[in-house]
């Protein structure tokens, strides 16, 4: 934190020296110049904010004509109105992002808790017939992928068998004969 503070301070000092050098002004004139620049920034009145928010509810993306009319009504430049709407949209997007993140964190916590509960039940599982603890073998990722592929292939064979049965006119039941035939 202190390093960052020193870097920012050094940059400001360097900027100040460059501005003083470029404009050939003394420190008091520089302070007046900075104060004048900062005094150009004004906050909107409560009336302006209420009117801008009411308009935002109806139209979050006003075009130039709408911004100009709203600016004339409120005594603001169209560009000020444009920036207010940009900032408001950004603010809402961030609020929605924070809400969504909070919801996702809550869902993640719920799923983790549920998963932990299932893992505890699996660790404490017992055989129904003899009551001894169950030993669940760990399967490798490759074995799991092979089992999934086998299941997919079985379903494909069933689908093709049903399709072939429609064309042949009788059910195809002898899958062993089909799989061991050689091509002519």
N, C-alpha and C. Protein backbone atom coordinates (compact mmCIF):
# COMPACT_ATOMS: atom_id res chain seq x y z
N UNK A 1 0.83 -1.19 0.00
CA UNK A 1 0.00 0.00 0.00
C UNK A 1 0.86 1.24 0.00
N UNK A 2 1.92 1.24 0.82
CA UNK A 2 2.76 2.44 0.88
C UNK A 2 3.54 2.61 -0.41
N UNK A 3 3.95 1.50 -1.04
CA UNK A 3 4.66 1.61 -2.32
C UNK A 3 3.76 2.24 -3.36
N UNK A 4 2.52 1.81 -3.41
CA UNK A 4 1.56 2.35 -4.36
C UNK A 4 1.35 3.84 -4.10
N UNK A 5 1.26 4.22 -2.81
CA UNK A 5 1.07 5.61 -2.45
C UNK A 5 2.25 6.44 -2.93
N UNK A 6 3.48 5.93 -2.72
CA UNK A 6 4.67 6.67 -3.14
C UNK A 6 4.73 6.82 -4.65
N UNK A 7 4.35 5.75 -5.38
CA UNK A 7 4.37 5.82 -6.84
C UNK A 7 3.37 6.86 -7.33
N UNK A 8 2.17 6.86 -6.77
CA UNK A 8 1.16 7.83 -7.16
C UNK A 8 1.63 9.23 -6.83
N UNK A 9 2.23 9.41 -5.64
CA UNK A 9 2.73 10.73 -5.23
C UNK A 9 3.83 11.19 -6.18
N UNK A 10 4.74 10.29 -6.54
CA UNK A 10 5.81 10.64 -7.46
C UNK A 10 5.27 11.02 -8.83
N UNK A 11 4.26 10.27 -9.31
CA UNK A 11 3.66 10.60 -10.60
C UNK A 11 3.01 11.97 -10.56
N UNK A 12 2.30 12.26 -9.46
CA UNK A 12 1.67 13.56 -9.33
C UNK A 12 2.71 14.68 -9.30
N UNK A 13 3.80 14.43 -8.59
CA UNK A 13 4.86 15.44 -8.53
C UNK A 13 5.47 15.64 -9.91
N UNK A 14 5.66 14.55 -10.65
CA UNK A 14 6.23 14.66 -12.00
C UNK A 14 5.25 15.38 -12.92
N UNK A 15 3.96 15.04 -12.84
CA UNK A 15 2.95 15.72 -13.66
C UNK A 15 2.91 17.20 -13.33
N UNK A 16 2.98 17.51 -12.05
CA UNK A 16 2.94 18.90 -11.60
C UNK A 16 4.14 19.66 -12.16
N UNK A 17 5.32 19.04 -12.10
CA UNK A 17 6.53 19.69 -12.62
C UNK A 17 6.42 19.90 -14.12
N UNK A 18 5.88 18.92 -14.86
CA UNK A 18 5.72 19.07 -16.30
C UNK A 18 4.74 20.17 -16.64
N UNK A 19 3.61 20.22 -15.93
CA UNK A 19 2.61 21.27 -16.19
C UNK A 19 3.21 22.64 -15.87
N UNK A 20 3.91 22.74 -14.76
CA UNK A 20 4.52 24.02 -14.40
C UNK A 20 5.56 24.42 -15.46
N UNK A 21 6.30 23.43 -15.93
CA UNK A 21 7.33 23.72 -16.92
C UNK A 21 6.69 24.12 -18.24
N UNK A 22 5.66 23.32 -18.70
CA UNK A 22 5.01 23.61 -19.97
C UNK A 22 4.32 24.97 -19.96
N UNK A 23 3.65 25.27 -18.86
CA UNK A 23 2.89 26.52 -18.79
C UNK A 23 3.71 27.67 -18.21
N UNK A 24 4.89 27.33 -17.70
CA UNK A 24 5.76 28.32 -17.06
C UNK A 24 5.00 29.08 -15.98
N UNK A 25 4.42 28.32 -15.03
CA UNK A 25 3.66 28.92 -13.94
C UNK A 25 4.26 28.51 -12.61
N UNK A 26 3.95 29.28 -11.58
CA UNK A 26 4.45 28.91 -10.25
C UNK A 26 3.45 27.99 -9.54
N UNK A 27 3.80 27.56 -8.33
CA UNK A 27 2.98 26.58 -7.62
C UNK A 27 1.60 27.11 -7.29
N UNK A 28 1.47 28.36 -6.89
CA UNK A 28 0.17 28.93 -6.54
C UNK A 28 -0.75 28.95 -7.76
N UNK A 29 -0.19 29.32 -8.92
CA UNK A 29 -0.99 29.31 -10.15
C UNK A 29 -1.41 27.89 -10.51
N UNK A 30 -0.50 26.92 -10.28
CA UNK A 30 -0.81 25.52 -10.55
C UNK A 30 -1.97 25.05 -9.68
N UNK A 31 -1.94 25.39 -8.38
CA UNK A 31 -3.02 25.00 -7.46
C UNK A 31 -4.34 25.61 -7.91
N UNK A 32 -4.35 26.86 -8.34
CA UNK A 32 -5.56 27.50 -8.84
C UNK A 32 -6.07 26.80 -10.09
N UNK A 33 -5.13 26.40 -10.97
CA UNK A 33 -5.51 25.70 -12.20
C UNK A 33 -6.18 24.37 -11.87
N UNK A 34 -5.61 23.61 -10.93
CA UNK A 34 -6.18 22.31 -10.53
C UNK A 34 -7.53 22.53 -9.86
N UNK A 35 -7.63 23.51 -8.97
CA UNK A 35 -8.90 23.80 -8.30
C UNK A 35 -9.98 24.19 -9.30
N UNK A 36 -9.62 25.01 -10.30
CA UNK A 36 -10.60 25.40 -11.32
C UNK A 36 -11.08 24.19 -12.10
N UNK A 37 -10.13 23.28 -12.42
CA UNK A 37 -10.51 22.07 -13.17
C UNK A 37 -11.46 21.21 -12.35
N UNK A 38 -11.17 21.05 -11.05
CA UNK A 38 -12.01 20.22 -10.21
C UNK A 38 -13.34 20.89 -9.90
N UNK A 39 -13.36 22.22 -9.87
CA UNK A 39 -14.62 22.90 -9.57
C UNK A 39 -15.59 22.83 -10.74
N UNK A 40 -15.11 22.48 -11.94
CA UNK A 40 -16.00 22.31 -13.09
C UNK A 40 -16.88 21.08 -12.94
N UNK A 41 -16.46 20.15 -12.08
CA UNK A 41 -17.26 18.95 -11.85
C UNK A 41 -18.34 19.29 -10.83
N UNK A 42 -19.57 19.04 -11.21
CA UNK A 42 -20.68 19.35 -10.31
C UNK A 42 -21.56 18.12 -10.15
N UNK A 43 -22.08 17.97 -8.99
CA UNK A 43 -23.04 16.90 -8.73
C UNK A 43 -24.40 17.33 -9.25
N UNK A 44 -25.18 16.33 -9.63
CA UNK A 44 -26.54 16.62 -10.08
C UNK A 44 -27.42 16.88 -8.87
N UNK A 45 -28.46 17.70 -9.05
CA UNK A 45 -29.40 17.97 -7.96
C UNK A 45 -30.30 16.76 -7.78
N UNK A 46 -31.00 16.71 -6.64
CA UNK A 46 -31.93 15.61 -6.39
C UNK A 46 -33.03 15.57 -7.44
N UNK A 47 -33.50 16.75 -7.85
CA UNK A 47 -34.55 16.82 -8.88
C UNK A 47 -34.04 16.21 -10.19
N UNK A 48 -32.79 16.57 -10.58
CA UNK A 48 -32.23 16.03 -11.81
C UNK A 48 -32.08 14.51 -11.72
N UNK A 49 -31.61 14.05 -10.59
CA UNK A 49 -31.42 12.60 -10.42
C UNK A 49 -32.74 11.86 -10.47
N UNK A 50 -33.76 12.39 -9.79
CA UNK A 50 -35.09 11.73 -9.82
C UNK A 50 -35.64 11.69 -11.23
N UNK A 51 -35.48 12.78 -11.96
CA UNK A 51 -36.00 12.83 -13.34
C UNK A 51 -35.21 11.87 -14.23
N UNK A 52 -33.88 11.84 -14.09
CA UNK A 52 -33.05 10.93 -14.88
C UNK A 52 -33.40 9.47 -14.57
N UNK A 53 -33.59 9.16 -13.30
CA UNK A 53 -33.95 7.78 -12.94
C UNK A 53 -35.32 7.38 -13.46
N UNK A 54 -36.27 8.32 -13.40
CA UNK A 54 -37.60 8.03 -13.93
C UNK A 54 -37.53 7.78 -15.43
N UNK A 55 -36.75 8.59 -16.13
CA UNK A 55 -36.59 8.41 -17.57
C UNK A 55 -35.87 7.09 -17.86
N UNK A 56 -34.89 6.75 -17.01
CA UNK A 56 -34.12 5.52 -17.17
C UNK A 56 -35.01 4.28 -17.09
N UNK A 57 -36.02 4.33 -16.21
CA UNK A 57 -36.94 3.19 -16.07
C UNK A 57 -37.69 2.93 -17.38
N UNK A 58 -38.04 4.01 -18.07
CA UNK A 58 -38.77 3.87 -19.34
C UNK A 58 -37.83 3.59 -20.51
N UNK A 59 -36.66 4.22 -20.48
CA UNK A 59 -35.75 4.11 -21.62
C UNK A 59 -34.31 4.14 -21.13
N UNK A 60 -33.68 2.97 -20.94
CA UNK A 60 -32.31 2.96 -20.43
C UNK A 60 -31.25 3.36 -21.46
N UNK A 61 -31.62 3.40 -22.73
CA UNK A 61 -30.68 3.78 -23.79
C UNK A 61 -31.29 4.89 -24.66
N UNK A 62 -31.33 6.12 -24.16
CA UNK A 62 -31.93 7.19 -24.96
C UNK A 62 -31.03 7.58 -26.14
N UNK A 63 -31.67 7.99 -27.24
CA UNK A 63 -30.90 8.45 -28.38
C UNK A 63 -30.54 9.93 -28.19
N UNK A 64 -29.86 10.50 -29.16
CA UNK A 64 -29.37 11.87 -29.02
C UNK A 64 -30.51 12.86 -28.80
N UNK A 65 -31.59 12.71 -29.55
CA UNK A 65 -32.72 13.65 -29.40
C UNK A 65 -33.31 13.59 -28.00
N UNK A 66 -33.46 12.40 -27.48
CA UNK A 66 -34.00 12.24 -26.12
C UNK A 66 -33.05 12.83 -25.09
N UNK A 67 -31.75 12.59 -25.27
CA UNK A 67 -30.77 13.15 -24.33
C UNK A 67 -30.77 14.67 -24.38
N UNK A 68 -30.89 15.23 -25.59
CA UNK A 68 -30.89 16.68 -25.75
C UNK A 68 -32.13 17.28 -25.09
N UNK A 69 -33.30 16.67 -25.31
CA UNK A 69 -34.53 17.17 -24.71
C UNK A 69 -34.48 17.07 -23.18
N UNK A 70 -33.97 15.96 -22.69
CA UNK A 70 -33.85 15.77 -21.25
C UNK A 70 -32.84 16.77 -20.67
N UNK A 71 -31.77 17.00 -21.39
CA UNK A 71 -30.77 17.97 -20.96
C UNK A 71 -31.33 19.38 -20.90
N UNK A 72 -32.12 19.76 -21.89
CA UNK A 72 -32.75 21.09 -21.88
C UNK A 72 -33.70 21.23 -20.71
N UNK A 73 -34.46 20.17 -20.45
CA UNK A 73 -35.42 20.19 -19.34
C UNK A 73 -34.71 20.34 -18.00
N UNK A 74 -33.53 19.68 -17.86
CA UNK A 74 -32.85 19.65 -16.56
C UNK A 74 -31.69 20.64 -16.46
N UNK A 75 -31.41 21.36 -17.54
CA UNK A 75 -30.30 22.30 -17.52
C UNK A 75 -28.95 21.61 -17.59
N UNK A 76 -28.88 20.50 -18.31
CA UNK A 76 -27.65 19.74 -18.47
C UNK A 76 -27.29 19.65 -19.94
N UNK A 77 -26.02 19.44 -20.21
CA UNK A 77 -25.57 19.21 -21.58
C UNK A 77 -25.96 17.79 -21.99
N UNK A 78 -26.23 17.53 -23.27
CA UNK A 78 -26.55 16.17 -23.71
C UNK A 78 -25.45 15.17 -23.35
N UNK A 79 -24.19 15.64 -23.37
CA UNK A 79 -23.10 14.73 -23.03
C UNK A 79 -23.14 14.36 -21.55
N UNK A 80 -23.54 15.28 -20.68
CA UNK A 80 -23.67 14.96 -19.27
C UNK A 80 -24.76 13.91 -19.07
N UNK A 81 -25.85 14.06 -19.80
CA UNK A 81 -26.95 13.09 -19.73
C UNK A 81 -26.46 11.73 -20.24
N UNK A 82 -25.72 11.76 -21.33
CA UNK A 82 -25.18 10.52 -21.91
C UNK A 82 -24.30 9.79 -20.89
N UNK A 83 -23.40 10.53 -20.24
CA UNK A 83 -22.51 9.91 -19.25
C UNK A 83 -23.29 9.40 -18.05
N UNK A 84 -24.33 10.13 -17.63
CA UNK A 84 -25.12 9.67 -16.50
C UNK A 84 -25.75 8.32 -16.84
N UNK A 85 -26.32 8.19 -18.04
CA UNK A 85 -26.95 6.93 -18.44
C UNK A 85 -25.93 5.82 -18.57
N UNK A 86 -24.74 6.10 -19.09
CA UNK A 86 -23.69 5.08 -19.18
C UNK A 86 -23.31 4.60 -17.79
N UNK A 87 -23.12 5.56 -16.88
CA UNK A 87 -22.74 5.18 -15.51
C UNK A 87 -23.84 4.38 -14.83
N UNK A 88 -25.09 4.75 -15.05
CA UNK A 88 -26.22 4.04 -14.44
C UNK A 88 -26.30 2.60 -14.96
N UNK A 89 -26.12 2.43 -16.28
CA UNK A 89 -26.16 1.07 -16.84
C UNK A 89 -25.01 0.23 -16.28
N UNK A 90 -23.83 0.82 -16.16
CA UNK A 90 -22.69 0.10 -15.60
C UNK A 90 -22.94 -0.27 -14.15
N UNK A 91 -23.51 0.66 -13.40
CA UNK A 91 -23.81 0.42 -11.99
C UNK A 91 -24.81 -0.74 -11.85
N UNK A 92 -25.85 -0.74 -12.67
CA UNK A 92 -26.84 -1.83 -12.61
C UNK A 92 -26.23 -3.17 -13.00
N UNK A 93 -25.37 -3.15 -14.03
CA UNK A 93 -24.73 -4.38 -14.46
C UNK A 93 -23.87 -4.96 -13.34
N UNK A 94 -23.17 -4.08 -12.63
CA UNK A 94 -22.34 -4.55 -11.51
C UNK A 94 -23.21 -5.09 -10.38
N UNK A 95 -24.33 -4.42 -10.09
CA UNK A 95 -25.23 -4.90 -9.03
C UNK A 95 -25.79 -6.27 -9.38
N UNK A 96 -26.22 -6.44 -10.65
CA UNK A 96 -26.75 -7.74 -11.07
C UNK A 96 -25.66 -8.80 -10.99
N UNK A 97 -24.42 -8.42 -11.37
CA UNK A 97 -23.31 -9.36 -11.29
C UNK A 97 -23.05 -9.79 -9.86
N UNK A 98 -23.11 -8.85 -8.91
CA UNK A 98 -22.90 -9.19 -7.50
C UNK A 98 -24.01 -10.10 -6.99
N UNK A 99 -25.25 -9.81 -7.39
CA UNK A 99 -26.37 -10.67 -6.97
C UNK A 99 -26.22 -12.07 -7.54
N UNK A 100 -25.87 -12.13 -8.82
CA UNK A 100 -25.71 -13.43 -9.46
C UNK A 100 -24.57 -14.21 -8.81
N UNK A 101 -23.47 -13.51 -8.51
CA UNK A 101 -22.35 -14.18 -7.85
C UNK A 101 -22.76 -14.71 -6.48
N UNK A 102 -23.52 -13.92 -5.74
CA UNK A 102 -23.96 -14.36 -4.41
C UNK A 102 -24.86 -15.59 -4.54
N UNK A 103 -25.76 -15.59 -5.53
CA UNK A 103 -26.63 -16.74 -5.74
C UNK A 103 -25.82 -17.97 -6.13
N UNK A 104 -24.84 -17.79 -7.00
CA UNK A 104 -24.01 -18.92 -7.41
C UNK A 104 -23.17 -19.45 -6.25
N UNK A 105 -22.67 -18.55 -5.40
CA UNK A 105 -21.92 -19.00 -4.24
C UNK A 105 -22.80 -19.82 -3.30
N UNK A 106 -24.03 -19.34 -3.09
CA UNK A 106 -24.96 -20.06 -2.22
C UNK A 106 -25.28 -21.44 -2.81
N UNK A 107 -25.52 -21.50 -4.12
CA UNK A 107 -25.80 -22.77 -4.78
C UNK A 107 -24.60 -23.70 -4.70
N UNK A 108 -23.41 -23.15 -4.88
CA UNK A 108 -22.18 -23.93 -4.79
C UNK A 108 -22.03 -24.51 -3.39
N UNK A 109 -22.28 -23.69 -2.36
CA UNK A 109 -22.18 -24.17 -0.98
C UNK A 109 -23.19 -25.28 -0.71
N UNK A 110 -24.42 -25.08 -1.20
CA UNK A 110 -25.46 -26.10 -1.01
C UNK A 110 -25.05 -27.42 -1.67
N UNK A 111 -24.51 -27.34 -2.89
CA UNK A 111 -24.10 -28.55 -3.59
C UNK A 111 -22.91 -29.23 -2.91
N UNK A 112 -21.98 -28.43 -2.40
CA UNK A 112 -20.84 -29.01 -1.68
C UNK A 112 -21.32 -29.74 -0.42
N UNK A 113 -22.23 -29.09 0.32
CA UNK A 113 -22.77 -29.72 1.52
C UNK A 113 -23.49 -31.02 1.19
N UNK A 114 -24.27 -30.98 0.12
CA UNK A 114 -24.99 -32.17 -0.31
C UNK A 114 -24.01 -33.27 -0.72
N UNK A 115 -22.97 -32.90 -1.42
CA UNK A 115 -21.96 -33.86 -1.85
C UNK A 115 -21.26 -34.47 -0.64
N UNK A 116 -20.91 -33.64 0.34
CA UNK A 116 -20.28 -34.15 1.56
C UNK A 116 -21.20 -35.13 2.28
N UNK A 117 -22.49 -34.81 2.32
CA UNK A 117 -23.46 -35.70 2.96
C UNK A 117 -23.51 -37.05 2.26
N UNK A 118 -23.51 -37.02 0.92
CA UNK A 118 -23.52 -38.27 0.15
C UNK A 118 -22.24 -39.07 0.39
N UNK A 119 -21.11 -38.36 0.45
CA UNK A 119 -19.83 -39.05 0.69
C UNK A 119 -19.83 -39.71 2.07
N UNK A 120 -20.39 -39.04 3.08
CA UNK A 120 -20.46 -39.62 4.43
C UNK A 120 -21.35 -40.86 4.42
N UNK A 121 -22.49 -40.79 3.69
CA UNK A 121 -23.37 -41.95 3.62
C UNK A 121 -22.68 -43.12 2.93
N UNK A 122 -21.90 -42.83 1.89
CA UNK A 122 -21.18 -43.90 1.20
C UNK A 122 -20.13 -44.53 2.11
N UNK A 123 -19.45 -43.69 2.91
CA UNK A 123 -18.43 -44.22 3.80
C UNK A 123 -19.05 -45.11 4.90
N UNK A 124 -20.26 -44.78 5.31
CA UNK A 124 -20.92 -45.52 6.38
C UNK A 124 -21.88 -46.59 5.86
N UNK A 125 -21.89 -46.83 4.55
CA UNK A 125 -22.81 -47.80 3.96
C UNK A 125 -22.45 -49.22 4.38
N UNK A 126 -23.50 -50.03 4.54
CA UNK A 126 -23.30 -51.43 4.95
C UNK A 126 -24.12 -52.33 4.04
N UNK A 127 -23.67 -53.56 3.92
CA UNK A 127 -24.38 -54.55 3.12
C UNK A 127 -25.71 -54.86 3.80
N UNK A 128 -26.79 -54.91 3.03
CA UNK A 128 -28.12 -55.16 3.60
C UNK A 128 -28.27 -56.61 4.09
N UNK A 129 -27.60 -57.53 3.42
CA UNK A 129 -27.79 -58.93 3.82
C UNK A 129 -26.91 -59.34 4.99
N UNK A 130 -25.65 -58.88 5.04
CA UNK A 130 -24.77 -59.33 6.13
C UNK A 130 -24.40 -58.22 7.11
N UNK A 131 -24.60 -56.96 6.74
CA UNK A 131 -24.33 -55.84 7.65
C UNK A 131 -22.89 -55.38 7.67
N UNK A 132 -22.02 -56.02 6.87
CA UNK A 132 -20.61 -55.60 6.85
C UNK A 132 -20.47 -54.34 6.00
N UNK A 133 -19.43 -53.56 6.29
CA UNK A 133 -19.23 -52.33 5.52
C UNK A 133 -19.01 -52.63 4.04
N UNK A 134 -19.57 -51.78 3.21
CA UNK A 134 -19.41 -51.95 1.76
C UNK A 134 -18.06 -51.41 1.33
N UNK A 135 -17.46 -52.12 0.42
CA UNK A 135 -16.21 -51.65 -0.18
C UNK A 135 -16.54 -51.29 -1.62
N UNK A 136 -16.46 -50.00 -1.90
CA UNK A 136 -16.78 -49.53 -3.25
C UNK A 136 -15.46 -49.37 -3.99
N UNK A 137 -15.27 -50.18 -5.02
CA UNK A 137 -13.99 -50.10 -5.74
C UNK A 137 -13.89 -48.78 -6.51
N UNK A 138 -12.70 -48.24 -6.50
CA UNK A 138 -12.43 -47.04 -7.28
C UNK A 138 -12.21 -47.46 -8.72
N UNK A 139 -12.83 -46.77 -9.66
CA UNK A 139 -12.58 -47.08 -11.06
C UNK A 139 -11.81 -45.91 -11.68
N UNK A 140 -10.99 -46.26 -12.62
CA UNK A 140 -10.17 -45.24 -13.25
C UNK A 140 -11.02 -44.42 -14.23
N UNK A 141 -10.48 -43.31 -14.61
CA UNK A 141 -11.17 -42.45 -15.58
C UNK A 141 -11.32 -43.17 -16.90
N UNK A 142 -10.28 -43.92 -17.29
CA UNK A 142 -10.34 -44.66 -18.55
C UNK A 142 -11.45 -45.71 -18.52
N UNK A 143 -11.55 -46.42 -17.40
CA UNK A 143 -12.59 -47.44 -17.27
C UNK A 143 -13.97 -46.81 -17.31
N UNK A 144 -14.10 -45.68 -16.65
CA UNK A 144 -15.38 -44.97 -16.66
C UNK A 144 -15.74 -44.54 -18.09
N UNK A 145 -14.76 -44.05 -18.83
CA UNK A 145 -15.02 -43.65 -20.21
C UNK A 145 -15.39 -44.85 -21.07
N UNK A 146 -14.73 -45.98 -20.84
CA UNK A 146 -15.06 -47.19 -21.60
C UNK A 146 -16.48 -47.66 -21.30
N UNK A 147 -16.86 -47.60 -20.03
CA UNK A 147 -18.22 -48.01 -19.67
C UNK A 147 -19.26 -47.08 -20.32
N UNK A 148 -18.98 -45.81 -20.32
CA UNK A 148 -19.90 -44.86 -20.95
C UNK A 148 -19.98 -45.12 -22.45
N UNK A 149 -18.86 -45.41 -23.08
CA UNK A 149 -18.83 -45.69 -24.52
C UNK A 149 -19.58 -47.00 -24.81
N UNK A 150 -19.41 -48.02 -23.95
CA UNK A 150 -20.14 -49.28 -24.13
C UNK A 150 -21.65 -49.06 -24.04
N UNK A 151 -22.07 -48.26 -23.09
CA UNK A 151 -23.48 -47.96 -22.95
C UNK A 151 -24.01 -47.27 -24.20
N UNK A 152 -23.24 -46.31 -24.71
CA UNK A 152 -23.65 -45.61 -25.92
C UNK A 152 -23.74 -46.57 -27.10
N UNK A 153 -22.77 -47.48 -27.22
CA UNK A 153 -22.77 -48.44 -28.32
C UNK A 153 -23.94 -49.42 -28.21
N UNK A 154 -24.27 -49.86 -26.97
CA UNK A 154 -25.43 -50.75 -26.79
C UNK A 154 -26.71 -50.07 -27.25
N UNK A 155 -26.86 -48.80 -26.86
CA UNK A 155 -28.04 -48.05 -27.29
C UNK A 155 -28.08 -47.90 -28.80
N UNK A 156 -26.93 -47.71 -29.44
CA UNK A 156 -26.86 -47.59 -30.89
C UNK A 156 -27.23 -48.91 -31.55
N UNK A 157 -26.77 -50.03 -30.98
CA UNK A 157 -27.11 -51.35 -31.53
C UNK A 157 -28.62 -51.58 -31.42
N UNK A 158 -29.20 -51.22 -30.28
CA UNK A 158 -30.65 -51.39 -30.11
C UNK A 158 -31.41 -50.55 -31.13
N UNK A 159 -30.96 -49.33 -31.35
CA UNK A 159 -31.63 -48.46 -32.31
C UNK A 159 -31.52 -49.02 -33.73
N UNK A 160 -30.32 -49.50 -34.09
CA UNK A 160 -30.12 -50.07 -35.42
C UNK A 160 -30.87 -51.39 -35.59
N UNK A 161 -30.95 -52.17 -34.50
CA UNK A 161 -31.71 -53.44 -34.56
C UNK A 161 -33.19 -53.16 -34.82
N UNK A 162 -33.72 -52.16 -34.14
CA UNK A 162 -35.12 -51.81 -34.35
C UNK A 162 -35.34 -51.32 -35.78
N UNK A 163 -34.39 -50.55 -36.31
CA UNK A 163 -34.50 -50.06 -37.67
C UNK A 163 -34.42 -51.21 -38.67
N UNK A 164 -33.47 -52.14 -38.43
CA UNK A 164 -33.33 -53.30 -39.32
C UNK A 164 -34.57 -54.19 -39.25
N UNK A 165 -35.16 -54.33 -38.08
CA UNK A 165 -36.35 -55.16 -37.92
C UNK A 165 -37.50 -54.61 -38.74
N UNK A 166 -37.59 -53.29 -38.85
CA UNK A 166 -38.65 -52.69 -39.67
C UNK A 166 -38.50 -53.08 -41.13
N UNK A 167 -37.25 -53.12 -41.62
CA UNK A 167 -37.01 -53.42 -43.04
C UNK A 167 -37.06 -54.92 -43.32
N UNK A 168 -36.61 -55.72 -42.38
CA UNK A 168 -36.59 -57.17 -42.57
C UNK A 168 -37.97 -57.75 -42.34
N UNK A 169 -38.70 -57.17 -41.43
CA UNK A 169 -40.03 -57.65 -41.12
C UNK A 169 -40.07 -58.57 -39.93
N UNK A 170 -38.96 -58.86 -39.31
CA UNK A 170 -38.93 -59.66 -38.10
C UNK A 170 -37.86 -59.10 -37.17
N UNK A 171 -37.99 -59.33 -35.87
CA UNK A 171 -37.02 -58.77 -34.93
C UNK A 171 -35.63 -59.38 -35.09
N UNK A 172 -34.65 -58.55 -34.93
CA UNK A 172 -33.25 -59.00 -34.97
C UNK A 172 -32.86 -59.25 -33.52
N UNK A 173 -32.73 -60.57 -33.17
CA UNK A 173 -32.45 -60.90 -31.78
C UNK A 173 -31.08 -61.51 -31.59
N UNK A 174 -30.55 -62.09 -32.64
CA UNK A 174 -29.28 -62.78 -32.50
C UNK A 174 -28.14 -61.81 -32.81
N UNK A 175 -27.77 -61.00 -31.80
CA UNK A 175 -26.73 -59.99 -31.99
C UNK A 175 -25.35 -60.62 -32.12
N UNK A 176 -25.15 -61.81 -31.50
CA UNK A 176 -23.83 -62.45 -31.59
C UNK A 176 -23.53 -62.85 -33.03
N UNK A 177 -24.55 -63.36 -33.75
CA UNK A 177 -24.32 -63.76 -35.14
C UNK A 177 -24.01 -62.54 -36.00
N UNK A 178 -24.67 -61.42 -35.72
CA UNK A 178 -24.44 -60.21 -36.51
C UNK A 178 -23.02 -59.70 -36.27
N UNK A 179 -22.59 -59.70 -35.04
CA UNK A 179 -21.29 -59.11 -34.72
C UNK A 179 -20.11 -59.98 -35.17
N UNK A 180 -20.32 -61.33 -35.35
CA UNK A 180 -19.21 -62.19 -35.73
C UNK A 180 -19.17 -62.46 -37.20
N UNK A 181 -20.13 -62.01 -37.98
CA UNK A 181 -20.09 -62.23 -39.44
C UNK A 181 -18.96 -61.45 -40.06
N UNK A 182 -18.41 -62.02 -41.09
CA UNK A 182 -17.35 -61.31 -41.81
C UNK A 182 -17.95 -60.74 -43.08
N UNK A 183 -17.34 -59.67 -43.52
CA UNK A 183 -17.84 -59.02 -44.73
C UNK A 183 -17.48 -59.87 -45.93
N UNK A 184 -18.35 -59.92 -47.00
CA UNK A 184 -18.06 -60.76 -48.17
C UNK A 184 -16.91 -60.23 -48.98
